[in-house]
Amino acid sequence: MIGMVSSPHHVFLARGARRTTEPTEVDEGRFAWVPVSETQALITEGRVRNSGSLVGLLALSLKLR
């Protein structure tokens, strides 16, 4: 839908998060805890395709510089 839809992306950064249970969402695909240090490689390898995820991860990478 690129170029057809204008939708806001909200980015939230949480520090000190900890896993309390496994994800329960069944409609959105696979969920995984990934160290921030590995996210750039995932983007470069084309393993992150969702624009919402990309916006958040790229904003985070700029903040960490």
Protein backbone atom coordinates (compact mmCIF):
# COMPACT_ATOMS: atom_id res chain seq x y z
CA MET A 1 0.00 0.00 0.00
CA ILE A 2 3.01 2.27 -0.36
CA GLY A 3 1.87 5.63 -1.71
CA MET A 4 -1.79 4.80 -1.10
CA VAL A 5 -2.14 5.13 2.66
CA SER A 6 -0.88 7.73 5.08
CA SER A 7 -0.70 6.32 8.57
CA PRO A 8 1.20 7.53 11.63
CA HIS A 9 3.92 5.42 13.21
CA HIS A 10 4.38 5.77 16.97
CA VAL A 11 7.75 4.72 18.34
CA PHE A 12 8.23 3.82 22.00
CA LEU A 13 11.52 2.88 23.63
CA ALA A 14 11.46 0.85 26.84
CA ARG A 15 14.60 0.25 28.85
CA GLY A 16 14.94 -2.51 31.38
CA ALA A 17 12.13 -4.60 29.91
CA ARG A 18 11.98 -8.21 30.96
CA ARG A 19 10.09 -11.17 29.59
CA THR A 20 7.24 -12.26 31.84
CA THR A 21 5.51 -14.73 29.51
CA GLU A 22 5.60 -15.94 25.92
CA PRO A 23 3.77 -13.87 23.25
CA THR A 24 0.12 -14.82 22.77
CA GLU A 25 -0.60 -13.02 19.45
CA VAL A 26 -1.40 -15.57 16.75
CA ASP A 27 -2.23 -13.38 13.74
CA GLU A 28 0.95 -11.34 13.37
CA GLY A 29 3.52 -14.04 12.66
CA ARG A 30 6.66 -14.76 14.61
CA PHE A 31 7.75 -12.79 17.68
CA ALA A 32 11.24 -12.91 19.15
CA TRP A 33 13.33 -11.03 21.69
CA VAL A 34 16.31 -9.68 19.77
CA PRO A 35 19.27 -7.78 21.23
CA VAL A 36 19.42 -4.21 19.94
CA SER A 37 22.95 -4.92 18.72
CA GLU A 38 21.54 -7.44 16.20
CA THR A 39 18.79 -5.29 14.68
CA GLN A 40 20.97 -3.50 12.11
CA ALA A 41 22.08 -6.84 10.66
CA LEU A 42 18.47 -8.03 10.45
CA ILE A 43 17.55 -4.91 8.47
CA THR A 44 20.58 -5.24 6.18
CA GLU A 45 19.76 -8.90 5.52
CA GLY A 46 16.18 -7.96 4.54
CA ARG A 47 14.69 -9.92 7.42
CA VAL A 48 12.67 -6.92 8.67
CA ARG A 49 10.13 -6.02 6.00
CA ASN A 50 7.32 -4.29 7.86
CA SER A 51 7.52 -0.49 7.54
CA GLY A 52 6.30 0.04 11.10
CA SER A 53 9.07 -2.15 12.47
CA LEU A 54 11.65 -0.52 10.21
CA VAL A 55 10.65 2.99 11.31
CA GLY A 56 11.03 2.05 14.96
CA LEU A 57 14.32 0.23 14.55
CA LEU A 58 15.87 2.93 12.38
CA ALA A 59 14.76 5.64 14.83
CA LEU A 60 16.36 3.61 17.63
CA SER A 61 19.60 3.22 15.68
CA LEU A 62 19.79 7.01 15.22
CA LYS A 63 19.19 7.58 18.93
CA LEU A 64 21.99 5.18 19.88
CA ARG A 65 24.62 6.97 17.77
